[in-house]
Amino acid sequence: MATATKDATLKDAQSGSVRVEIFDQAYNLRGSDPEYILKLAEYVDAKMRAVAEATNTIDTVRLAVLAVLNIADEYHLLKRNQDCGATDYQKRAHLLADALDEVLGEKRKAG
């Protein structure tokens, strides 16, 4: 599990550096939000451990690639769903706008 000690997080808060552990390997990472970096590291660590359990693979490079492919798959599925959702909202908005134009047009003709 990805971890970071509070001392390390607090100690390096000014530099934006946080020490994390992913699949039993320590990394010093930098960014503007150490808590977010830790959250990402925990996610990657969990994915690598899940792949390791499912495949019985011990090669860490292979595990990392398979974990990244799983994460990329999740990302693209979410992106596709979001893009489809946006398209549906746009279609509904156009239908509603057309219906509103029709109703307002009829009122203007009558009034």
PDB file of N, CA and C in Angstrom:
ATOM      1  N   MET A   1       0.839  -1.177   0.000  1.00  0.00           N
ATOM      2  CA  MET A   1       0.000   0.000   0.000  1.00  0.00           C
ATOM      3  C   MET A   1       0.886   1.244   0.000  1.00  0.00           C
ATOM      4  N   ALA A   2       0.532   2.235  -0.774  1.00  0.00           N
ATOM      5  CA  ALA A   2       1.318   3.465  -0.831  1.00  0.00           C
ATOM      6  C   ALA A   2       1.189   4.181   0.492  1.00  0.00           C
ATOM      7  N   THR A   3       2.309   4.651   0.982  1.00  0.00           N
ATOM      8  CA  THR A   3       2.301   5.338   2.262  1.00  0.00           C
ATOM      9  C   THR A   3       3.195   6.549   2.199  1.00  0.00           C
ATOM     10  N   ALA A   4       2.953   7.459   3.098  1.00  0.00           N
ATOM     11  CA  ALA A   4       3.836   8.602   3.295  1.00  0.00           C
ATOM     12  C   ALA A   4       3.763   8.942   4.769  1.00  0.00           C
ATOM     13  N   THR A   5       4.902   9.183   5.358  1.00  0.00           N
ATOM     14  CA  THR A   5       4.875   9.544   6.764  1.00  0.00           C
ATOM     15  C   THR A   5       4.459  10.988   6.899  1.00  0.00           C
ATOM     16  N   LYS A   6       3.765  11.283   8.000  1.00  0.00           N
ATOM     17  CA  LYS A   6       3.344  12.665   8.216  1.00  0.00           C
ATOM     18  C   LYS A   6       4.551  13.577   8.327  1.00  0.00           C
ATOM     19  N   ASP A   7       5.624  13.092   8.989  1.00  0.00           N
ATOM     20  CA  ASP A   7       6.824  13.910   9.129  1.00  0.00           C
ATOM     21  C   ASP A   7       7.395  14.266   7.769  1.00  0.00           C
ATOM     22  N   ALA A   8       7.460  13.292   6.879  1.00  0.00           N
ATOM     23  CA  ALA A   8       8.009  13.555   5.549  1.00  0.00           C
ATOM     24  C   ALA A   8       7.128  14.531   4.795  1.00  0.00           C
ATOM     25  N   THR A   9       5.809  14.357   4.920  1.00  0.00           N
ATOM     26  CA  THR A   9       4.888  15.253   4.220  1.00  0.00           C
ATOM     27  C   THR A   9       5.011  16.669   4.758  1.00  0.00           C
ATOM     28  N   LEU A  10       5.055  16.807   6.081  1.00  0.00           N
ATOM     29  CA  LEU A  10       5.167  18.129   6.678  1.00  0.00           C
ATOM     30  C   LEU A  10       6.542  18.743   6.436  1.00  0.00           C
ATOM     31  N   LYS A  11       7.574  17.918   6.534  1.00  0.00           N
ATOM     32  CA  LYS A  11       8.941  18.384   6.373  1.00  0.00           C
ATOM     33  C   LYS A  11       9.179  18.971   4.989  1.00  0.00           C
ATOM     34  N   ASP A  12       8.631  18.334   3.975  1.00  0.00           N
ATOM     35  CA  ASP A  12       8.882  18.760   2.607  1.00  0.00           C
ATOM     36  C   ASP A  12       7.705  19.507   1.988  1.00  0.00           C
ATOM     37  N   ALA A  13       6.803  20.002   2.821  1.00  0.00           N
ATOM     38  CA  ALA A  13       5.617  20.681   2.294  1.00  0.00           C
ATOM     39  C   ALA A  13       5.991  21.903   1.468  1.00  0.00           C
ATOM     40  N   GLN A  14       7.075  22.607   1.865  1.00  0.00           N
ATOM     41  CA  GLN A  14       7.460  23.804   1.113  1.00  0.00           C
ATOM     42  C   GLN A  14       7.981  23.451  -0.275  1.00  0.00           C
ATOM     43  N   SER A  15       8.698  22.347  -0.398  1.00  0.00           N
ATOM     44  CA  SER A  15       9.231  21.965  -1.704  1.00  0.00           C
ATOM     45  C   SER A  15       8.199  21.203  -2.532  1.00  0.00           C
ATOM     46  N   GLY A  16       7.096  20.799  -1.886  1.00  0.00           N
ATOM     47  CA  GLY A  16       6.072  20.037  -2.589  1.00  0.00           C
ATOM     48  C   GLY A  16       6.457  18.589  -2.778  1.00  0.00           C
ATOM     49  N   SER A  17       7.461  18.119  -2.048  1.00  0.00           N
ATOM     50  CA  SER A  17       7.944  16.755  -2.193  1.00  0.00           C
ATOM     51  C   SER A  17       7.288  15.847  -1.157  1.00  0.00           C
ATOM     52  N   VAL A  18       6.949  14.644  -1.594  1.00  0.00           N
ATOM     53  CA  VAL A  18       6.373  13.658  -0.688  1.00  0.00           C
ATOM     54  C   VAL A  18       6.999  12.305  -1.018  1.00  0.00           C
ATOM     55  N   ARG A  19       7.303  11.562   0.016  1.00  0.00           N
ATOM     56  CA  ARG A  19       7.876  10.226  -0.176  1.00  0.00           C
ATOM     57  C   ARG A  19       6.736   9.225  -0.113  1.00  0.00           C
ATOM     58  N   VAL A  20       6.605   8.436  -1.174  1.00  0.00           N
ATOM     59  CA  VAL A  20       5.554   7.427  -1.244  1.00  0.00           C
ATOM     60  C   VAL A  20       6.178   6.070  -1.510  1.00  0.00           C
ATOM     61  N   GLU A  21       5.395   5.055  -1.255  1.00  0.00           N
ATOM     62  CA  GLU A  21       5.844   3.699  -1.541  1.00  0.00           C
ATOM     63  C   GLU A  21       4.785   3.040  -2.408  1.00  0.00           C
ATOM     64  N   ILE A  22       5.229   2.573  -3.580  1.00  0.00           N
ATOM     65  CA  ILE A  22       4.344   1.897  -4.513  1.00  0.00           C
ATOM     66  C   ILE A  22       4.922   0.521  -4.790  1.00  0.00           C
ATOM     67  N   PHE A  23       4.162  -0.488  -4.464  1.00  0.00           N
ATOM     68  CA  PHE A  23       4.563  -1.876  -4.648  1.00  0.00           C
ATOM     69  C   PHE A  23       5.954  -2.122  -4.065  1.00  0.00           C
ATOM     70  N   ASP A  24       6.099  -1.676  -2.824  1.00  0.00           N
ATOM     71  CA  ASP A  24       7.316  -1.869  -2.027  1.00  0.00           C
ATOM     72  C   ASP A  24       8.542  -1.135  -2.572  1.00  0.00           C
ATOM     73  N   GLN A  25       8.326  -0.132  -3.403  1.00  0.00           N
ATOM     74  CA  GLN A  25       9.416   0.708  -3.912  1.00  0.00           C
ATOM     75  C   GLN A  25       9.150   2.139  -3.457  1.00  0.00           C
ATOM     76  N   ALA A  26      10.166   2.787  -2.894  1.00  0.00           N
ATOM     77  CA  ALA A  26      10.018   4.165  -2.411  1.00  0.00           C
ATOM     78  C   ALA A  26      10.309   5.157  -3.534  1.00  0.00           C
ATOM     79  N   TYR A  27       9.512   6.209  -3.585  1.00  0.00           N
ATOM     80  CA  TYR A  27       9.681   7.272  -4.580  1.00  0.00           C
ATOM     81  C   TYR A  27       9.522   8.615  -3.887  1.00  0.00           C
ATOM     82  N   ASN A  28      10.344   9.578  -4.255  1.00  0.00           N
ATOM     83  CA  ASN A  28      10.173  10.958  -3.815  1.00  0.00           C
ATOM     84  C   ASN A  28       9.533  11.702  -4.973  1.00  0.00           C
ATOM     85  N   LEU A  29       8.321  12.153  -4.764  1.00  0.00           N
ATOM     86  CA  LEU A  29       7.566  12.826  -5.816  1.00  0.00           C
ATOM     87  C   LEU A  29       7.309  14.269  -5.427  1.00  0.00           C
ATOM     88  N   ARG A  30       7.200  15.122  -6.413  1.00  0.00           N
ATOM     89  CA  ARG A  30       6.934  16.539  -6.166  1.00  0.00           C
ATOM     90  C   ARG A  30       5.640  16.953  -6.830  1.00  0.00           C
ATOM     91  N   GLY A  31       4.989  17.896  -6.200  1.00  0.00           N
ATOM     92  CA  GLY A  31       3.769  18.457  -6.754  1.00  0.00           C
ATOM     93  C   GLY A  31       3.224  19.501  -5.806  1.00  0.00           C
ATOM     94  N   SER A  32       2.197  20.179  -6.232  1.00  0.00           N
ATOM     95  CA  SER A  32       1.650  21.259  -5.411  1.00  0.00           C
ATOM     96  C   SER A  32       0.778  20.746  -4.273  1.00  0.00           C
ATOM     97  N   ASP A  33       0.343  19.484  -4.335  1.00  0.00           N
ATOM     98  CA  ASP A  33      -0.552  18.937  -3.317  1.00  0.00           C
ATOM     99  C   ASP A  33      -0.079  17.553  -2.880  1.00  0.00           C
ATOM    100  N   PRO A  34       0.707  17.469  -1.814  1.00  0.00           N
ATOM    101  CA  PRO A  34       1.222  16.176  -1.358  1.00  0.00           C
ATOM    102  C   PRO A  34       0.124  15.157  -1.039  1.00  0.00           C
ATOM    103  N   GLU A  35      -0.997  15.599  -0.515  1.00  0.00           N
ATOM    104  CA  GLU A  35      -2.100  14.676  -0.216  1.00  0.00           C
ATOM    105  C   GLU A  35      -2.649  14.045  -1.490  1.00  0.00           C
ATOM    106  N   TYR A  36      -2.743  14.823  -2.545  1.00  0.00           N
ATOM    107  CA  TYR A  36      -3.219  14.316  -3.826  1.00  0.00           C
ATOM    108  C   TYR A  36      -2.225  13.317  -4.415  1.00  0.00           C
ATOM    109  N   ILE A  37      -0.934  13.639  -4.300  1.00  0.00           N
ATOM    110  CA  ILE A  37       0.105  12.728  -4.782  1.00  0.00           C
ATOM    111  C   ILE A  37       0.013  11.404  -4.041  1.00  0.00           C
ATOM    112  N   LEU A  38      -0.179  11.471  -2.733  1.00  0.00           N
ATOM    113  CA  LEU A  38      -0.310  10.251  -1.938  1.00  0.00           C
ATOM    114  C   LEU A  38      -1.533   9.451  -2.381  1.00  0.00           C
ATOM    115  N   LYS A  39      -2.628  10.128  -2.654  1.00  0.00           N
ATOM    116  CA  LYS A  39      -3.847   9.454  -3.114  1.00  0.00           C
ATOM    117  C   LYS A  39      -3.598   8.741  -4.447  1.00  0.00           C
ATOM    118  N   LEU A  40      -2.908   9.400  -5.364  1.00  0.00           N
ATOM    119  CA  LEU A  40      -2.580   8.780  -6.647  1.00  0.00           C
ATOM    120  C   LEU A  40      -1.675   7.573  -6.459  1.00  0.00           C
ATOM    121  N   ALA A  41      -0.681   7.724  -5.597  1.00  0.00           N
ATOM    122  CA  ALA A  41       0.247   6.619  -5.339  1.00  0.00           C
ATOM    123  C   ALA A  41      -0.488   5.426  -4.729  1.00  0.00           C
ATOM    124  N   GLU A  42      -1.416   5.683  -3.826  1.00  0.00           N
ATOM    125  CA  GLU A  42      -2.202   4.602  -3.222  1.00  0.00           C
ATOM    126  C   GLU A  42      -3.033   3.883  -4.288  1.00  0.00           C
ATOM    127  N   TYR A  43      -3.575   4.636  -5.216  1.00  0.00           N
ATOM    128  CA  TYR A  43      -4.382   4.058  -6.291  1.00  0.00           C
ATOM    129  C   TYR A  43      -3.529   3.156  -7.186  1.00  0.00           C
ATOM    130  N   VAL A  44      -2.359   3.659  -7.583  1.00  0.00           N
ATOM    131  CA  VAL A  44      -1.463   2.875  -8.434  1.00  0.00           C
ATOM    132  C   VAL A  44      -0.992   1.627  -7.695  1.00  0.00           C
ATOM    133  N   ASP A  45      -0.652   1.778  -6.420  1.00  0.00           N
ATOM    134  CA  ASP A  45      -0.217   0.641  -5.621  1.00  0.00           C
ATOM    135  C   ASP A  45      -1.307  -0.424  -5.564  1.00  0.00           C
ATOM    136  N   ALA A  46      -2.535  -0.002  -5.332  1.00  0.00           N
ATOM    137  CA  ALA A  46      -3.665  -0.948  -5.271  1.00  0.00           C
ATOM    138  C   ALA A  46      -3.850  -1.662  -6.605  1.00  0.00           C
ATOM    139  N   LYS A  47      -3.712  -0.935  -7.705  1.00  0.00           N
ATOM    140  CA  LYS A  47      -3.854  -1.548  -9.031  1.00  0.00           C
ATOM    141  C   LYS A  47      -2.748  -2.574  -9.268  1.00  0.00           C
ATOM    142  N   MET A  48      -1.532  -2.223  -8.907  1.00  0.00           N
ATOM    143  CA  MET A  48      -0.423  -3.156  -9.111  1.00  0.00           C
ATOM    144  C   MET A  48      -0.612  -4.417  -8.269  1.00  0.00           C
ATOM    145  N   ARG A  49      -1.080  -4.251  -7.039  1.00  0.00           N
ATOM    146  CA  ARG A  49      -1.295  -5.412  -6.173  1.00  0.00           C
ATOM    147  C   ARG A  49      -2.437  -6.280  -6.692  1.00  0.00           C
ATOM    148  N   ALA A  50      -3.480  -5.657  -7.231  1.00  0.00           N
ATOM    149  CA  ALA A  50      -4.598  -6.423  -7.792  1.00  0.00           C
ATOM    150  C   ALA A  50      -4.139  -7.225  -9.014  1.00  0.00           C
ATOM    151  N   VAL A  51      -3.328  -6.600  -9.869  1.00  0.00           N
ATOM    152  CA  VAL A  51      -2.805  -7.293 -11.043  1.00  0.00           C
ATOM    153  C   VAL A  51      -1.892  -8.426 -10.607  1.00  0.00           C
ATOM    154  N   ALA A  52      -1.067  -8.190  -9.592  1.00  0.00           N
ATOM    155  CA  ALA A  52      -0.153  -9.220  -9.098  1.00  0.00           C
ATOM    156  C   ALA A  52      -0.924 -10.432  -8.592  1.00  0.00           C
ATOM    157  N   GLU A  53      -2.019 -10.186  -7.887  1.00  0.00           N
ATOM    158  CA  GLU A  53      -2.840 -11.296  -7.383  1.00  0.00           C
ATOM    159  C   GLU A  53      -3.529 -12.046  -8.512  1.00  0.00           C
ATOM    160  N   ALA A  54      -3.993 -11.304  -9.504  1.00  0.00           N
ATOM    161  CA  ALA A  54      -4.742 -11.923 -10.593  1.00  0.00           C
ATOM    162  C   ALA A  54      -3.850 -12.690 -11.565  1.00  0.00           C
ATOM    163  N   THR A  55      -2.602 -12.267 -11.701  1.00  0.00           N
ATOM    164  CA  THR A  55      -1.740 -12.868 -12.725  1.00  0.00           C
ATOM    165  C   THR A  55      -0.616 -13.721 -12.178  1.00  0.00           C
ATOM    166  N   ASN A  56      -0.360 -13.653 -10.905  1.00  0.00           N
ATOM    167  CA  ASN A  56       0.776 -14.357 -10.295  1.00  0.00           C
ATOM    168  C   ASN A  56       2.094 -13.972 -10.953  1.00  0.00           C
ATOM    169  N   THR A  57       2.172 -12.757 -11.470  1.00  0.00           N
ATOM    170  CA  THR A  57       3.391 -12.244 -12.094  1.00  0.00           C
ATOM    171  C   THR A  57       4.243 -11.568 -11.036  1.00  0.00           C
ATOM    172  N   ILE A  58       5.540 -11.821 -11.067  1.00  0.00           N
ATOM    173  CA  ILE A  58       6.426 -11.171 -10.109  1.00  0.00           C
ATOM    174  C   ILE A  58       7.304 -10.103 -10.753  1.00  0.00           C
ATOM    175  N   ASP A  59       7.313 -10.035 -12.066  1.00  0.00           N
ATOM    176  CA  ASP A  59       8.087  -9.026 -12.783  1.00  0.00           C
ATOM    177  C   ASP A  59       7.416  -7.668 -12.589  1.00  0.00           C
ATOM    178  N   THR A  60       8.075  -6.761 -11.856  1.00  0.00           N
ATOM    179  CA  THR A  60       7.448  -5.481 -11.521  1.00  0.00           C
ATOM    180  C   THR A  60       7.202  -4.603 -12.742  1.00  0.00           C
ATOM    181  N   VAL A  61       8.053  -4.695 -13.736  1.00  0.00           N
ATOM    182  CA  VAL A  61       7.827  -3.901 -14.951  1.00  0.00           C
ATOM    183  C   VAL A  61       6.558  -4.379 -15.648  1.00  0.00           C
ATOM    184  N   ARG A  62       6.402  -5.682 -15.765  1.00  0.00           N
ATOM    185  CA  ARG A  62       5.209  -6.237 -16.389  1.00  0.00           C
ATOM    186  C   ARG A  62       3.964  -5.868 -15.572  1.00  0.00           C
ATOM    187  N   LEU A  63       4.065  -5.947 -14.238  1.00  0.00           N
ATOM    188  CA  LEU A  63       2.950  -5.559 -13.369  1.00  0.00           C
ATOM    189  C   LEU A  63       2.584  -4.094 -13.572  1.00  0.00           C
ATOM    190  N   ALA A  64       3.612  -3.244 -13.652  1.00  0.00           N
ATOM    191  CA  ALA A  64       3.366  -1.814 -13.837  1.00  0.00           C
ATOM    192  C   ALA A  64       2.657  -1.552 -15.164  1.00  0.00           C
ATOM    193  N   VAL A  65       3.104  -2.218 -16.224  1.00  0.00           N
ATOM    194  CA  VAL A  65       2.478  -2.022 -17.541  1.00  0.00           C
ATOM    195  C   VAL A  65       1.031  -2.502 -17.514  1.00  0.00           C
ATOM    196  N   LEU A  66       0.786  -3.667 -16.916  1.00  0.00           N
ATOM    197  CA  LEU A  66      -0.591  -4.178 -16.842  1.00  0.00           C
ATOM    198  C   LEU A  66      -1.467  -3.271 -15.984  1.00  0.00           C
ATOM    199  N   ALA A  67      -0.917  -2.746 -14.897  1.00  0.00           N
ATOM    200  CA  ALA A  67      -1.676  -1.823 -14.046  1.00  0.00           C
ATOM    201  C   ALA A  67      -2.007  -0.543 -14.806  1.00  0.00           C
ATOM    202  N   VAL A  68      -1.031  -0.031 -15.555  1.00  0.00           N
ATOM    203  CA  VAL A  68      -1.260   1.192 -16.341  1.00  0.00           C
ATOM    204  C   VAL A  68      -2.314   0.938 -17.419  1.00  0.00           C
ATOM    205  N   LEU A  69      -2.290  -0.229 -18.032  1.00  0.00           N
ATOM    206  CA  LEU A  69      -3.319  -0.551 -19.032  1.00  0.00           C
ATOM    207  C   LEU A  69      -4.702  -0.602 -18.387  1.00  0.00           C
ATOM    208  N   ASN A  70      -4.793  -1.157 -17.182  1.00  0.00           N
ATOM    209  CA  ASN A  70      -6.076  -1.160 -16.468  1.00  0.00           C
ATOM    210  C   ASN A  70      -6.542   0.250 -16.156  1.00  0.00           C
ATOM    211  N   ILE A  71      -5.631   1.097 -15.708  1.00  0.00           N
ATOM    212  CA  ILE A  71      -5.975   2.485 -15.391  1.00  0.00           C
ATOM    213  C   ILE A  71      -6.378   3.229 -16.660  1.00  0.00           C
ATOM    214  N   ALA A  72      -5.648   2.993 -17.759  1.00  0.00           N
ATOM    215  CA  ALA A  72      -5.997   3.638 -19.035  1.00  0.00           C
ATOM    216  C   ALA A  72      -7.371   3.189 -19.505  1.00  0.00           C
ATOM    217  N   ASP A  73      -7.688   1.910 -19.317  1.00  0.00           N
ATOM    218  CA  ASP A  73      -9.002   1.399 -19.686  1.00  0.00           C
ATOM    219  C   ASP A  73     -10.093   2.098 -18.873  1.00  0.00           C
ATOM    220  N   GLU A  74      -9.892   2.216 -17.564  1.00  0.00           N
ATOM    221  CA  GLU A  74     -10.864   2.922 -16.718  1.00  0.00           C
ATOM    222  C   GLU A  74     -11.046   4.358 -17.194  1.00  0.00           C
ATOM    223  N   TYR A  75      -9.939   5.015 -17.474  1.00  0.00           N
ATOM    224  CA  TYR A  75      -9.989   6.406 -17.928  1.00  0.00           C
ATOM    225  C   TYR A  75     -10.795   6.549 -19.218  1.00  0.00           C
ATOM    226  N   HIS A  76     -10.499   5.693 -20.194  1.00  0.00           N
ATOM    227  CA  HIS A  76     -11.187   5.809 -21.479  1.00  0.00           C
ATOM    228  C   HIS A  76     -12.660   5.443 -21.387  1.00  0.00           C
ATOM    229  N   LEU A  77     -13.006   4.487 -20.535  1.00  0.00           N
ATOM    230  CA  LEU A  77     -14.428   4.171 -20.332  1.00  0.00           C
ATOM    231  C   LEU A  77     -15.152   5.356 -19.706  1.00  0.00           C
ATOM    232  N   LEU A  78     -14.551   5.967 -18.699  1.00  0.00           N
ATOM    233  CA  LEU A  78     -15.162   7.143 -18.074  1.00  0.00           C
ATOM    234  C   LEU A  78     -15.274   8.300 -19.060  1.00  0.00           C
ATOM    235  N   LYS A  79     -14.219   8.492 -19.844  1.00  0.00           N
ATOM    236  CA  LYS A  79     -14.225   9.579 -20.835  1.00  0.00           C
ATOM    237  C   LYS A  79     -15.305   9.354 -21.886  1.00  0.00           C
ATOM    238  N   ARG A  80     -15.425   8.104 -22.350  1.00  0.00           N
ATOM    239  CA  ARG A  80     -16.452   7.788 -23.347  1.00  0.00           C
ATOM    240  C   ARG A  80     -17.849   8.030 -22.772  1.00  0.00           C
ATOM    241  N   ASN A  81     -18.065   7.587 -21.535  1.00  0.00           N
ATOM    242  CA  ASN A  81     -19.362   7.802 -20.904  1.00  0.00           C
ATOM    243  C   ASN A  81     -19.653   9.279 -20.712  1.00  0.00           C
ATOM    244  N   GLN A  82     -18.628  10.041 -20.343  1.00  0.00           N
ATOM    245  CA  GLN A  82     -18.815  11.474 -20.162  1.00  0.00           C
ATOM    246  C   GLN A  82     -19.115  12.151 -21.499  1.00  0.00           C
ATOM    247  N   ASP A  83     -18.378  11.763 -22.546  1.00  0.00           N
ATOM    248  CA  ASP A  83     -18.598  12.349 -23.861  1.00  0.00           C
ATOM    249  C   ASP A  83     -19.992  12.021 -24.380  1.00  0.00           C
ATOM    250  N   CYS A  84     -20.438  10.786 -24.166  1.00  0.00           N
ATOM    251  CA  CYS A  84     -21.786  10.397 -24.599  1.00  0.00           C
ATOM    252  C   CYS A  84     -22.830  11.168 -23.815  1.00  0.00           C
ATOM    253  N   GLY A  85     -22.584  11.326 -22.528  1.00  0.00           N
ATOM    254  CA  GLY A  85     -23.510  12.084 -21.687  1.00  0.00           C
ATOM    255  C   GLY A  85     -23.617  13.526 -22.143  1.00  0.00           C
ATOM    256  N   ALA A  86     -22.480  14.122 -22.496  1.00  0.00           N
ATOM    257  CA  ALA A  86     -22.479  15.506 -22.965  1.00  0.00           C
ATOM    258  C   ALA A  86     -23.258  15.614 -24.265  1.00  0.00           C
ATOM    259  N   THR A  87     -23.109  14.641 -25.143  1.00  0.00           N
ATOM    260  CA  THR A  87     -23.842  14.637 -26.404  1.00  0.00           C
ATOM    261  C   THR A  87     -25.335  14.526 -26.149  1.00  0.00           C
ATOM    262  N   ASP A  88     -25.730  13.663 -25.225  1.00  0.00           N
ATOM    263  CA  ASP A  88     -27.148  13.513 -24.889  1.00  0.00           C
ATOM    264  C   ASP A  88     -27.713  14.812 -24.346  1.00  0.00           C
ATOM    265  N   TYR A  89     -26.962  15.493 -23.478  1.00  0.00           N
ATOM    266  CA  TYR A  89     -27.430  16.760 -22.928  1.00  0.00           C
ATOM    267  C   TYR A  89     -27.551  17.812 -24.018  1.00  0.00           C
ATOM    268  N   GLN A  90     -26.624  17.820 -24.950  1.00  0.00           N
ATOM    269  CA  GLN A  90     -26.687  18.789 -26.036  1.00  0.00           C
ATOM    270  C   GLN A  90     -27.911  18.533 -26.916  1.00  0.00           C
ATOM    271  N   LYS A  91     -28.191  17.272 -27.214  1.00  0.00           N
ATOM    272  CA  LYS A  91     -29.363  16.940 -28.017  1.00  0.00           C
ATOM    273  C   LYS A  91     -30.634  17.379 -27.312  1.00  0.00           C
ATOM    274  N   ARG A  92     -30.732  17.060 -26.012  1.00  0.00           N
ATOM    275  CA  ARG A  92     -31.918  17.456 -25.241  1.00  0.00           C
ATOM    276  C   ARG A  92     -32.055  18.972 -25.183  1.00  0.00           C
ATOM    277  N   ALA A  93     -30.937  19.670 -25.023  1.00  0.00           N
ATOM    278  CA  ALA A  93     -30.973  21.132 -24.956  1.00  0.00           C
ATOM    279  C   ALA A  93     -31.485  21.712 -26.270  1.00  0.00           C
ATOM    280  N   HIS A  94     -31.033  21.150 -27.392  1.00  0.00           N
ATOM    281  CA  HIS A  94     -31.502  21.633 -28.702  1.00  0.00           C
ATOM    282  C   HIS A  94     -32.993  21.344 -28.882  1.00  0.00           C
ATOM    283  N   LEU A  95     -33.435  20.156 -28.471  1.00  0.00           N
ATOM    284  CA  LEU A  95     -34.864  19.830 -28.572  1.00  0.00           C
ATOM    285  C   LEU A  95     -35.701  20.774 -27.732  1.00  0.00           C
ATOM    286  N   LEU A  96     -35.249  21.040 -26.523  1.00  0.00           N
ATOM    287  CA  LEU A  96     -35.981  21.954 -25.645  1.00  0.00           C
ATOM    288  C   LEU A  96     -35.966  23.375 -26.192  1.00  0.00           C
ATOM    289  N   ALA A  97     -34.828  23.797 -26.731  1.00  0.00           N
ATOM    290  CA  ALA A  97     -34.743  25.135 -27.311  1.00  0.00           C
ATOM    291  C   ALA A  97     -35.666  25.255 -28.515  1.00  0.00           C
ATOM    292  N   ASP A  98     -35.715  24.216 -29.349  1.00  0.00           N
ATOM    293  CA  ASP A  98     -36.622  24.229 -30.507  1.00  0.00           C
ATOM    294  C   ASP A  98     -38.081  24.277 -30.060  1.00  0.00           C
ATOM    295  N   ALA A  99     -38.405  23.491 -29.027  1.00  0.00           N
ATOM    296  CA  ALA A  99     -39.782  23.486 -28.520  1.00  0.00           C
ATOM    297  C   ALA A  99     -40.137  24.850 -27.949  1.00  0.00           C
ATOM    298  N   LEU A 100     -39.214  25.455 -27.230  1.00  0.00           N
ATOM    299  CA  LEU A 100     -39.453  26.780 -26.660  1.00  0.00           C
ATOM    300  C   LEU A 100     -39.628  27.815 -27.766  1.00  0.00           C
ATOM    301  N   ASP A 101     -38.790  27.755 -28.801  1.00  0.00           N
ATOM    302  CA  ASP A 101     -38.920  28.680 -29.933  1.00  0.00           C
ATOM    303  C   ASP A 101     -40.279  28.520 -30.607  1.00  0.00           C
ATOM    304  N   GLU A 102     -40.723  27.283 -30.713  1.00  0.00           N
ATOM    305  CA  GLU A 102     -42.014  27.018 -31.354  1.00  0.00           C
ATOM    306  C   GLU A 102     -43.158  27.614 -30.537  1.00  0.00           C
ATOM    307  N   VAL A 103     -43.112  27.398 -29.220  1.00  0.00           N
ATOM    308  CA  VAL A 103     -44.167  27.924 -28.346  1.00  0.00           C
ATOM    309  C   VAL A 103     -44.145  29.446 -28.345  1.00  0.00           C
ATOM    310  N   LEU A 104     -42.958  30.026 -28.231  1.00  0.00           N
ATOM    311  CA  LEU A 104     -42.863  31.489 -28.228  1.00  0.00           C
ATOM    312  C   LEU A 104     -43.264  32.066 -29.579  1.00  0.00           C
ATOM    313  N   GLY A 105     -42.941  31.387 -30.657  1.00  0.00           N
ATOM    314  CA  GLY A 105     -43.322  31.844 -31.983  1.00  0.00           C
ATOM    315  C   GLY A 105     -44.830  31.852 -32.148  1.00  0.00           C
ATOM    316  N   GLU A 106     -45.521  30.816 -31.621  1.00  0.00           N
ATOM    317  CA  GLU A 106     -46.979  30.761 -31.700  1.00  0.00           C
ATOM    318  C   GLU A 106     -47.627  31.853 -30.879  1.00  0.00           C
ATOM    319  N   LYS A 107     -47.042  32.163 -29.729  1.00  0.00           N
ATOM    320  CA  LYS A 107     -47.590  33.224 -28.863  1.00  0.00           C
ATOM    321  C   LYS A 107     -47.419  34.571 -29.529  1.00  0.00           C
ATOM    322  N   ARG A 108     -46.311  34.781 -30.212  1.00  0.00           N
ATOM    323  CA  ARG A 108     -46.062  36.072 -30.876  1.00  0.00           C
ATOM    324  C   ARG A 108     -47.040  36.267 -32.029  1.00  0.00           C
ATOM    325  N   LYS A 109     -47.367  35.159 -32.748  1.00  0.00           N
ATOM    326  CA  LYS A 109     -48.304  35.244 -33.855  1.00  0.00           C
ATOM    327  C   LYS A 109     -49.704  35.538 -33.342  1.00  0.00           C
ATOM    328  N   ALA A 110     -50.056  34.924 -32.213  1.00  0.00           N
ATOM    329  CA  ALA A 110     -51.392  35.096 -31.632  1.00  0.00           C
ATOM    330  C   ALA A 110     -51.537  36.451 -30.963  1.00  0.00           C
ATOM    331  N   GLY A 111     -50.451  36.981 -30.423  1.00  0.00           N
ATOM    332  CA  GLY A 111     -50.517  38.212 -29.648  1.00  0.00           C
ATOM    333  C   GLY A 111     -50.299  39.386 -30.465  1.00  0.00           C
TER     334      GLY A 111
END
